[in-house]
């Protein structure tokens, strides 16, 4: 079975999403913070979203007896037009 690369991106809506790097249309997970949560996080929303996604992957791996190696791929956001999704990790 080939290794699937996953990436965390920030969608144009401001949501964070986990998706396969070869599928830009179907996020596996989406995280949306309310304005109140964003205010409390003080620009740490990416770090919190990443921690939430990582914890979820680890929990799923533990529950399923290990789901395999997870590799969150990082792209250079400067090469993408601003209207498109941006990889943030």
PDB file of N, CA and C in Angstrom:
ATOM      1  N   UNK A   1       0.847  -1.182   0.000  1.00  0.00           N
ATOM      2  CA  UNK A   1       0.000   0.000   0.000  1.00  0.00           C
ATOM      3  C   UNK A   1       0.889   1.242   0.000  1.00  0.00           C
ATOM      4  N   UNK A   2       0.713   2.152  -0.959  1.00  0.00           N
ATOM      5  CA  UNK A   2       1.559   3.350  -1.005  1.00  0.00           C
ATOM      6  C   UNK A   2       1.288   4.264   0.186  1.00  0.00           C
ATOM      7  N   UNK A   3       2.317   4.999   0.560  1.00  0.00           N
ATOM      8  CA  UNK A   3       2.199   5.944   1.666  1.00  0.00           C
ATOM      9  C   UNK A   3       1.366   7.138   1.227  1.00  0.00           C
ATOM     10  N   UNK A   4       0.400   7.505   2.042  1.00  0.00           N
ATOM     11  CA  UNK A   4      -0.395   8.703   1.776  1.00  0.00           C
ATOM     12  C   UNK A   4       0.219   9.867   2.525  1.00  0.00           C
ATOM     13  N   UNK A   5       0.433  10.961   1.828  1.00  0.00           N
ATOM     14  CA  UNK A   5       0.935  12.161   2.471  1.00  0.00           C
ATOM     15  C   UNK A   5      -0.253  13.042   2.821  1.00  0.00           C
ATOM     16  N   UNK A   6      -0.240  13.546   4.036  1.00  0.00           N
ATOM     17  CA  UNK A   6      -1.302  14.419   4.507  1.00  0.00           C
ATOM     18  C   UNK A   6      -0.745  15.812   4.697  1.00  0.00           C
ATOM     19  N   UNK A   7      -1.610  16.804   4.558  1.00  0.00           N
ATOM     20  CA  UNK A   7      -1.190  18.179   4.769  1.00  0.00           C
ATOM     21  C   UNK A   7      -2.280  18.936   5.504  1.00  0.00           C
ATOM     22  N   UNK A   8      -1.854  19.902   6.294  1.00  0.00           N
ATOM     23  CA  UNK A   8      -2.783  20.805   6.958  1.00  0.00           C
ATOM     24  C   UNK A   8      -2.777  22.092   6.157  1.00  0.00           C
ATOM     25  N   UNK A   9      -3.967  22.516   5.752  1.00  0.00           N
ATOM     26  CA  UNK A   9      -4.083  23.732   4.945  1.00  0.00           C
ATOM     27  C   UNK A   9      -5.061  24.685   5.607  1.00  0.00           C
ATOM     28  N   UNK A  10      -4.890  25.963   5.309  1.00  0.00           N
ATOM     29  CA  UNK A  10      -5.882  26.946   5.722  1.00  0.00           C
ATOM     30  C   UNK A  10      -6.717  27.265   4.496  1.00  0.00           C
ATOM     31  N   UNK A  11      -8.002  27.026   4.594  1.00  0.00           N
ATOM     32  CA  UNK A  11      -8.923  27.256   3.491  1.00  0.00           C
ATOM     33  C   UNK A  11      -9.241  28.745   3.371  1.00  0.00           C
ATOM     34  N   UNK A  12      -9.723  29.185   2.215  1.00  0.00           N
ATOM     35  CA  UNK A  12     -10.078  30.597   2.046  1.00  0.00           C
ATOM     36  C   UNK A  12     -11.094  31.086   3.078  1.00  0.00           C
ATOM     37  N   UNK A  13     -11.867  30.176   3.660  1.00  0.00           N
ATOM     38  CA  UNK A  13     -12.861  30.526   4.679  1.00  0.00           C
ATOM     39  C   UNK A  13     -12.229  30.789   6.042  1.00  0.00           C
ATOM     40  N   UNK A  14     -10.926  30.492   6.179  1.00  0.00           N
ATOM     41  CA  UNK A  14     -10.252  30.634   7.464  1.00  0.00           C
ATOM     42  C   UNK A  14     -10.203  29.341   8.248  1.00  0.00           C
ATOM     43  N   UNK A  15     -10.948  28.329   7.807  1.00  0.00           N
ATOM     44  CA  UNK A  15     -10.919  27.030   8.463  1.00  0.00           C
ATOM     45  C   UNK A  15      -9.576  26.352   8.199  1.00  0.00           C
ATOM     46  N   UNK A  16      -9.200  25.468   9.098  1.00  0.00           N
ATOM     47  CA  UNK A  16      -8.035  24.619   8.885  1.00  0.00           C
ATOM     48  C   UNK A  16      -8.552  23.249   8.480  1.00  0.00           C
ATOM     49  N   UNK A  17      -7.839  22.579   7.570  1.00  0.00           N
ATOM     50  CA  UNK A  17      -8.286  21.275   7.096  1.00  0.00           C
ATOM     51  C   UNK A  17      -7.109  20.325   6.970  1.00  0.00           C
ATOM     52  N   UNK A  18      -7.378  19.064   7.232  1.00  0.00           N
ATOM     53  CA  UNK A  18      -6.425  17.990   6.977  1.00  0.00           C
ATOM     54  C   UNK A  18      -6.900  17.301   5.716  1.00  0.00           C
ATOM     55  N   UNK A  19      -6.000  17.125   4.765  1.00  0.00           N
ATOM     56  CA  UNK A  19      -6.375  16.470   3.515  1.00  0.00           C
ATOM     57  C   UNK A  19      -5.189  15.692   2.971  1.00  0.00           C
ATOM     58  N   UNK A  20      -5.490  14.798   2.055  1.00  0.00           N
ATOM     59  CA  UNK A  20      -4.426  14.094   1.332  1.00  0.00           C
ATOM     60  C   UNK A  20      -3.802  15.104   0.373  1.00  0.00           C
ATOM     61  N   UNK A  21      -2.493  15.050   0.237  1.00  0.00           N
ATOM     62  CA  UNK A  21      -1.815  16.046  -0.595  1.00  0.00           C
ATOM     63  C   UNK A  21      -2.201  15.940  -2.062  1.00  0.00           C
ATOM     64  N   UNK A  22      -2.711  14.783  -2.488  1.00  0.00           N
ATOM     65  CA  UNK A  22      -3.102  14.617  -3.888  1.00  0.00           C
ATOM     66  C   UNK A  22      -4.606  14.838  -4.118  1.00  0.00           C
ATOM     67  N   UNK A  23      -5.321  15.345  -3.113  1.00  0.00           N
ATOM     68  CA  UNK A  23      -6.763  15.579  -3.243  1.00  0.00           C
ATOM     69  C   UNK A  23      -7.130  16.905  -2.586  1.00  0.00           C
ATOM     70  N   UNK A  24      -7.164  17.968  -3.375  1.00  0.00           N
ATOM     71  CA  UNK A  24      -7.447  19.301  -2.846  1.00  0.00           C
ATOM     72  C   UNK A  24      -8.935  19.539  -2.594  1.00  0.00           C
ATOM     73  N   UNK A  25      -9.792  18.642  -3.045  1.00  0.00           N
ATOM     74  CA  UNK A  25     -11.231  18.884  -2.978  1.00  0.00           C
ATOM     75  C   UNK A  25     -11.942  18.242  -1.797  1.00  0.00           C
ATOM     76  N   UNK A  26     -11.313  17.274  -1.139  1.00  0.00           N
ATOM     77  CA  UNK A  26     -12.013  16.522  -0.103  1.00  0.00           C
ATOM     78  C   UNK A  26     -11.232  16.506   1.201  1.00  0.00           C
ATOM     79  N   UNK A  27     -11.447  17.475   2.080  1.00  0.00           N
ATOM     80  CA  UNK A  27     -10.765  17.445   3.375  1.00  0.00           C
ATOM     81  C   UNK A  27     -11.220  16.246   4.201  1.00  0.00           C
ATOM     82  N   UNK A  28     -10.286  15.663   4.929  1.00  0.00           N
ATOM     83  CA  UNK A  28     -10.612  14.570   5.843  1.00  0.00           C
ATOM     84  C   UNK A  28     -11.197  15.121   7.135  1.00  0.00           C
ATOM     85  N   UNK A  29     -10.687  16.279   7.551  1.00  0.00           N
ATOM     86  CA  UNK A  29     -11.112  16.934   8.788  1.00  0.00           C
ATOM     87  C   UNK A  29     -11.090  18.435   8.551  1.00  0.00           C
ATOM     88  N   UNK A  30     -12.058  19.149   9.125  1.00  0.00           N
ATOM     89  CA  UNK A  30     -12.065  20.616   9.106  1.00  0.00           C
ATOM     90  C   UNK A  30     -12.177  21.119  10.537  1.00  0.00           C
ATOM     91  N   UNK A  31     -11.460  22.206  10.828  1.00  0.00           N
ATOM     92  CA  UNK A  31     -11.547  22.846  12.135  1.00  0.00           C
ATOM     93  C   UNK A  31     -11.862  24.316  11.908  1.00  0.00           C
ATOM     94  N   UNK A  32     -12.922  24.782  12.565  1.00  0.00           N
ATOM     95  CA  UNK A  32     -13.314  26.187  12.471  1.00  0.00           C
ATOM     96  C   UNK A  32     -13.409  26.739  13.888  1.00  0.00           C
ATOM     97  N   UNK A  33     -12.677  27.804  14.142  1.00  0.00           N
ATOM     98  CA  UNK A  33     -12.709  28.452  15.446  1.00  0.00           C
ATOM     99  C   UNK A  33     -13.683  29.623  15.401  1.00  0.00           C
ATOM    100  N   UNK A  34     -14.471  29.775  16.443  1.00  0.00           N
ATOM    101  CA  UNK A  34     -15.347  30.942  16.557  1.00  0.00           C
ATOM    102  C   UNK A  34     -14.478  32.179  16.768  1.00  0.00           C
ATOM    103  N   UNK A  35     -15.051  33.342  16.581  1.00  0.00           N
ATOM    104  CA  UNK A  35     -14.296  34.573  16.804  1.00  0.00           C
ATOM    105  C   UNK A  35     -13.836  34.659  18.251  1.00  0.00           C
ATOM    106  N   UNK A  36     -14.686  34.235  19.178  1.00  0.00           N
ATOM    107  CA  UNK A  36     -14.314  34.246  20.595  1.00  0.00           C
ATOM    108  C   UNK A  36     -13.096  33.355  20.847  1.00  0.00           C
ATOM    109  N   UNK A  37     -13.077  32.167  20.225  1.00  0.00           N
ATOM    110  CA  UNK A  37     -11.932  31.269  20.382  1.00  0.00           C
ATOM    111  C   UNK A  37     -10.677  31.879  19.763  1.00  0.00           C
ATOM    112  N   UNK A  38     -10.814  32.496  18.579  1.00  0.00           N
ATOM    113  CA  UNK A  38      -9.665  33.146  17.936  1.00  0.00           C
ATOM    114  C   UNK A  38      -9.093  34.241  18.828  1.00  0.00           C
ATOM    115  N   UNK A  39      -9.979  35.013  19.452  1.00  0.00           N
ATOM    116  CA  UNK A  39      -9.522  36.076  20.353  1.00  0.00           C
ATOM    117  C   UNK A  39      -8.749  35.493  21.533  1.00  0.00           C
ATOM    118  N   UNK A  40      -9.236  34.394  22.090  1.00  0.00           N
ATOM    119  CA  UNK A  40      -8.554  33.759  23.221  1.00  0.00           C
ATOM    120  C   UNK A  40      -7.223  33.141  22.805  1.00  0.00           C
ATOM    121  N   UNK A  41      -7.153  32.620  21.576  1.00  0.00           N
ATOM    122  CA  UNK A  41      -5.935  31.954  21.107  1.00  0.00           C
ATOM    123  C   UNK A  41      -4.834  32.935  20.723  1.00  0.00           C
ATOM    124  N   UNK A  42      -5.171  34.182  20.473  1.00  0.00           N
ATOM    125  CA  UNK A  42      -4.197  35.231  20.165  1.00  0.00           C
ATOM    126  C   UNK A  42      -3.186  34.803  19.098  1.00  0.00           C
ATOM    127  N   UNK A  43      -3.668  34.515  17.902  1.00  0.00           N
ATOM    128  CA  UNK A  43      -2.832  34.128  16.761  1.00  0.00           C
ATOM    129  C   UNK A  43      -2.144  32.782  16.929  1.00  0.00           C
ATOM    130  N   UNK A  44      -2.600  31.959  17.842  1.00  0.00           N
ATOM    131  CA  UNK A  44      -2.062  30.610  18.000  1.00  0.00           C
ATOM    132  C   UNK A  44      -3.022  29.569  17.441  1.00  0.00           C
ATOM    133  N   UNK A  45      -3.973  29.999  16.598  1.00  0.00           N
ATOM    134  CA  UNK A  45      -4.970  29.071  16.086  1.00  0.00           C
ATOM    135  C   UNK A  45      -4.359  27.965  15.235  1.00  0.00           C
ATOM    136  N   UNK A  46      -3.327  28.251  14.454  1.00  0.00           N
ATOM    137  CA  UNK A  46      -2.663  27.216  13.666  1.00  0.00           C
ATOM    138  C   UNK A  46      -2.041  26.166  14.576  1.00  0.00           C
ATOM    139  N   UNK A  47      -1.337  26.597  15.606  1.00  0.00           N
ATOM    140  CA  UNK A  47      -0.697  25.651  16.523  1.00  0.00           C
ATOM    141  C   UNK A  47      -1.736  24.776  17.212  1.00  0.00           C
ATOM    142  N   UNK A  48      -2.858  25.362  17.600  1.00  0.00           N
ATOM    143  CA  UNK A  48      -3.914  24.595  18.264  1.00  0.00           C
ATOM    144  C   UNK A  48      -4.566  23.624  17.279  1.00  0.00           C
ATOM    145  N   UNK A  49      -4.840  24.070  16.060  1.00  0.00           N
ATOM    146  CA  UNK A  49      -5.425  23.186  15.047  1.00  0.00           C
ATOM    147  C   UNK A  49      -4.491  22.018  14.759  1.00  0.00           C
ATOM    148  N   UNK A  50      -3.203  22.301  14.628  1.00  0.00           N
ATOM    149  CA  UNK A  50      -2.222  21.241  14.380  1.00  0.00           C
ATOM    150  C   UNK A  50      -2.207  20.246  15.539  1.00  0.00           C
ATOM    151  N   UNK A  51      -2.220  20.744  16.770  1.00  0.00           N
ATOM    152  CA  UNK A  51      -2.219  19.863  17.939  1.00  0.00           C
ATOM    153  C   UNK A  51      -3.491  19.015  17.980  1.00  0.00           C
ATOM    154  N   UNK A  52      -4.626  19.616  17.633  1.00  0.00           N
ATOM    155  CA  UNK A  52      -5.892  18.880  17.625  1.00  0.00           C
ATOM    156  C   UNK A  52      -5.866  17.766  16.577  1.00  0.00           C
ATOM    157  N   UNK A  53      -5.377  18.075  15.391  1.00  0.00           N
ATOM    158  CA  UNK A  53      -5.323  17.079  14.322  1.00  0.00           C
ATOM    159  C   UNK A  53      -4.338  15.975  14.674  1.00  0.00           C
ATOM    160  N   UNK A  54      -3.170  16.341  15.190  1.00  0.00           N
ATOM    161  CA  UNK A  54      -2.170  15.347  15.578  1.00  0.00           C
ATOM    162  C   UNK A  54      -2.717  14.424  16.658  1.00  0.00           C
ATOM    163  N   UNK A  55      -3.385  14.993  17.657  1.00  0.00           N
ATOM    164  CA  UNK A  55      -3.971  14.177  18.729  1.00  0.00           C
ATOM    165  C   UNK A  55      -5.026  13.223  18.171  1.00  0.00           C
ATOM    166  N   UNK A  56      -5.817  13.691  17.234  1.00  0.00           N
ATOM    167  CA  UNK A  56      -6.830  12.832  16.623  1.00  0.00           C
ATOM    168  C   UNK A  56      -6.221  11.681  15.850  1.00  0.00           C
ATOM    169  N   UNK A  57      -5.156  11.954  15.094  1.00  0.00           N
ATOM    170  CA  UNK A  57      -4.475  10.902  14.336  1.00  0.00           C
ATOM    171  C   UNK A  57      -3.868   9.881  15.288  1.00  0.00           C
ATOM    172  N   UNK A  58      -3.228  10.370  16.351  1.00  0.00           N
ATOM    173  CA  UNK A  58      -2.624   9.461  17.326  1.00  0.00           C
ATOM    174  C   UNK A  58      -3.686   8.623  18.026  1.00  0.00           C
ATOM    175  N   UNK A  59      -4.814   9.230  18.380  1.00  0.00           N
ATOM    176  CA  UNK A  59      -5.894   8.488  19.036  1.00  0.00           C
ATOM    177  C   UNK A  59      -6.469   7.427  18.100  1.00  0.00           C
ATOM    178  N   UNK A  60      -6.641   7.769  16.838  1.00  0.00           N
ATOM    179  CA  UNK A  60      -7.152   6.798  15.870  1.00  0.00           C
ATOM    180  C   UNK A  60      -6.163   5.654  15.689  1.00  0.00           C
ATOM    181  N   UNK A  61      -4.878   5.974  15.662  1.00  0.00           N
ATOM    182  CA  UNK A  61      -3.857   4.937  15.535  1.00  0.00           C
ATOM    183  C   UNK A  61      -3.856   4.001  16.722  1.00  0.00           C
ATOM    184  N   UNK A  62      -4.020   4.546  17.917  1.00  0.00           N
ATOM    185  CA  UNK A  62      -4.069   3.732  19.129  1.00  0.00           C
ATOM    186  C   UNK A  62      -5.311   2.846  19.125  1.00  0.00           C
ATOM    187  N   UNK A  63      -6.445   3.405  18.758  1.00  0.00           N
ATOM    188  CA  UNK A  63      -7.702   2.653  18.750  1.00  0.00           C
ATOM    189  C   UNK A  63      -7.694   1.546  17.706  1.00  0.00           C
ATOM    190  N   UNK A  64      -6.999   1.766  16.595  1.00  0.00           N
ATOM    191  CA  UNK A  64      -6.974   0.797  15.502  1.00  0.00           C
ATOM    192  C   UNK A  64      -5.715  -0.050  15.492  1.00  0.00           C
ATOM    193  N   UNK A  65      -4.911   0.042  16.529  1.00  0.00           N
ATOM    194  CA  UNK A  65      -3.693  -0.750  16.577  1.00  0.00           C
ATOM    195  C   UNK A  65      -2.626  -0.256  15.627  1.00  0.00           C
ATOM    196  N   UNK A  66      -2.601   1.014  15.339  1.00  0.00           N
ATOM    197  CA  UNK A  66      -1.630   1.714  14.496  1.00  0.00           C
ATOM    198  C   UNK A  66      -2.122   1.794  13.063  1.00  0.00           C
ATOM    199  N   UNK A  67      -2.308   3.001  12.594  1.00  0.00           N
ATOM    200  CA  UNK A  67      -2.796   3.230  11.234  1.00  0.00           C
ATOM    201  C   UNK A  67      -1.667   3.494  10.255  1.00  0.00           C
ATOM    202  N   UNK A  68      -0.446   3.367  10.693  1.00  0.00           N
ATOM    203  CA  UNK A  68       0.684   3.604   9.816  1.00  0.00           C
ATOM    204  C   UNK A  68       1.332   4.940  10.097  1.00  0.00           C
ATOM    205  N   UNK A  69       2.388   5.196   9.373  1.00  0.00           N
ATOM    206  CA  UNK A  69       3.145   6.431   9.568  1.00  0.00           C
ATOM    207  C   UNK A  69       2.406   7.604   8.955  1.00  0.00           C
ATOM    208  N   UNK A  70       2.336   8.688   9.674  1.00  0.00           N
ATOM    209  CA  UNK A  70       1.678   9.901   9.188  1.00  0.00           C
ATOM    210  C   UNK A  70       2.744  10.925   8.866  1.00  0.00           C
ATOM    211  N   UNK A  71       2.679  11.486   7.665  1.00  0.00           N
ATOM    212  CA  UNK A  71       3.629  12.510   7.251  1.00  0.00           C
ATOM    213  C   UNK A  71       2.841  13.723   6.798  1.00  0.00           C
ATOM    214  N   UNK A  72       2.924  14.807   7.560  1.00  0.00           N
ATOM    215  CA  UNK A  72       2.248  16.039   7.179  1.00  0.00           C
ATOM    216  C   UNK A  72       3.191  16.843   6.300  1.00  0.00           C
ATOM    217  N   UNK A  73       2.830  16.952   5.022  1.00  0.00           N
ATOM    218  CA  UNK A  73       3.684  17.590   4.024  1.00  0.00           C
ATOM    219  C   UNK A  73       3.534  19.103   4.082  1.00  0.00           C
ATOM    220  N   UNK A  74       4.626  19.816   3.820  1.00  0.00           N
ATOM    221  CA  UNK A  74       4.584  21.277   3.827  1.00  0.00           C
ATOM    222  C   UNK A  74       4.916  21.793   2.432  1.00  0.00           C
ATOM    223  N   UNK A  75       4.103  22.725   1.934  1.00  0.00           N
ATOM    224  CA  UNK A  75       4.347  23.372   0.649  1.00  0.00           C
ATOM    225  C   UNK A  75       4.768  24.808   0.887  1.00  0.00           C
ATOM    226  N   UNK A  76       5.382  25.405  -0.114  1.00  0.00           N
ATOM    227  CA  UNK A  76       5.746  26.816  -0.044  1.00  0.00           C
ATOM    228  C   UNK A  76       4.518  27.642  -0.406  1.00  0.00           C
ATOM    229  N   UNK A  77       3.898  28.261   0.584  1.00  0.00           N
ATOM    230  CA  UNK A  77       2.661  29.016   0.361  1.00  0.00           C
ATOM    231  C   UNK A  77       2.867  30.192  -0.582  1.00  0.00           C
ATOM    232  N   UNK A  78       4.102  30.669  -0.749  1.00  0.00           N
ATOM    233  CA  UNK A  78       4.363  31.806  -1.627  1.00  0.00           C
ATOM    234  C   UNK A  78       4.139  31.470  -3.095  1.00  0.00           C
ATOM    235  N   UNK A  79       4.142  30.192  -3.465  1.00  0.00           N
ATOM    236  CA  UNK A  79       3.970  29.816  -4.864  1.00  0.00           C
ATOM    237  C   UNK A  79       2.509  29.658  -5.241  1.00  0.00           C
ATOM    238  N   UNK A  80       1.615  29.757  -4.281  1.00  0.00           N
ATOM    239  CA  UNK A  80       0.194  29.568  -4.548  1.00  0.00           C
ATOM    240  C   UNK A  80      -0.509  30.918  -4.603  1.00  0.00           C
ATOM    241  N   UNK A  81      -1.407  31.100  -5.563  1.00  0.00           N
ATOM    242  CA  UNK A  81      -2.179  32.341  -5.595  1.00  0.00           C
ATOM    243  C   UNK A  81      -2.980  32.487  -4.303  1.00  0.00           C
ATOM    244  N   UNK A  82      -3.195  33.703  -3.809  1.00  0.00           N
ATOM    245  CA  UNK A  82      -3.869  33.896  -2.527  1.00  0.00           C
ATOM    246  C   UNK A  82      -5.304  33.400  -2.495  1.00  0.00           C
ATOM    247  N   UNK A  83      -5.961  33.236  -3.637  1.00  0.00           N
ATOM    248  CA  UNK A  83      -7.350  32.785  -3.650  1.00  0.00           C
ATOM    249  C   UNK A  83      -7.472  31.284  -3.393  1.00  0.00           C
ATOM    250  N   UNK A  84      -6.363  30.546  -3.473  1.00  0.00           N
ATOM    251  CA  UNK A  84      -6.407  29.104  -3.291  1.00  0.00           C
ATOM    252  C   UNK A  84      -6.084  28.738  -1.857  1.00  0.00           C
ATOM    253  N   UNK A  85      -6.334  27.472  -1.538  1.00  0.00           N
ATOM    254  CA  UNK A  85      -5.988  26.962  -0.220  1.00  0.00           C
ATOM    255  C   UNK A  85      -4.496  27.113  -0.002  1.00  0.00           C
ATOM    256  N   UNK A  86      -4.110  27.372   1.223  1.00  0.00           N
ATOM    257  CA  UNK A  86      -2.696  27.508   1.535  1.00  0.00           C
ATOM    258  C   UNK A  86      -2.292  26.439   2.524  1.00  0.00           C
ATOM    259  N   UNK A  87      -1.219  25.726   2.213  1.00  0.00           N
ATOM    260  CA  UNK A  87      -0.689  24.742   3.131  1.00  0.00           C
ATOM    261  C   UNK A  87       0.011  25.479   4.247  1.00  0.00           C
ATOM    262  N   UNK A  88      -0.359  25.161   5.475  1.00  0.00           N
ATOM    263  CA  UNK A  88       0.240  25.836   6.610  1.00  0.00           C
ATOM    264  C   UNK A  88       1.150  24.914   7.398  1.00  0.00           C
ATOM    265  N   UNK A  89       1.090  23.622   7.111  1.00  0.00           N
ATOM    266  CA  UNK A  89       2.046  22.686   7.688  1.00  0.00           C
ATOM    267  C   UNK A  89       2.062  21.445   6.854  1.00  0.00           C
TER     268      UNK A  89
END
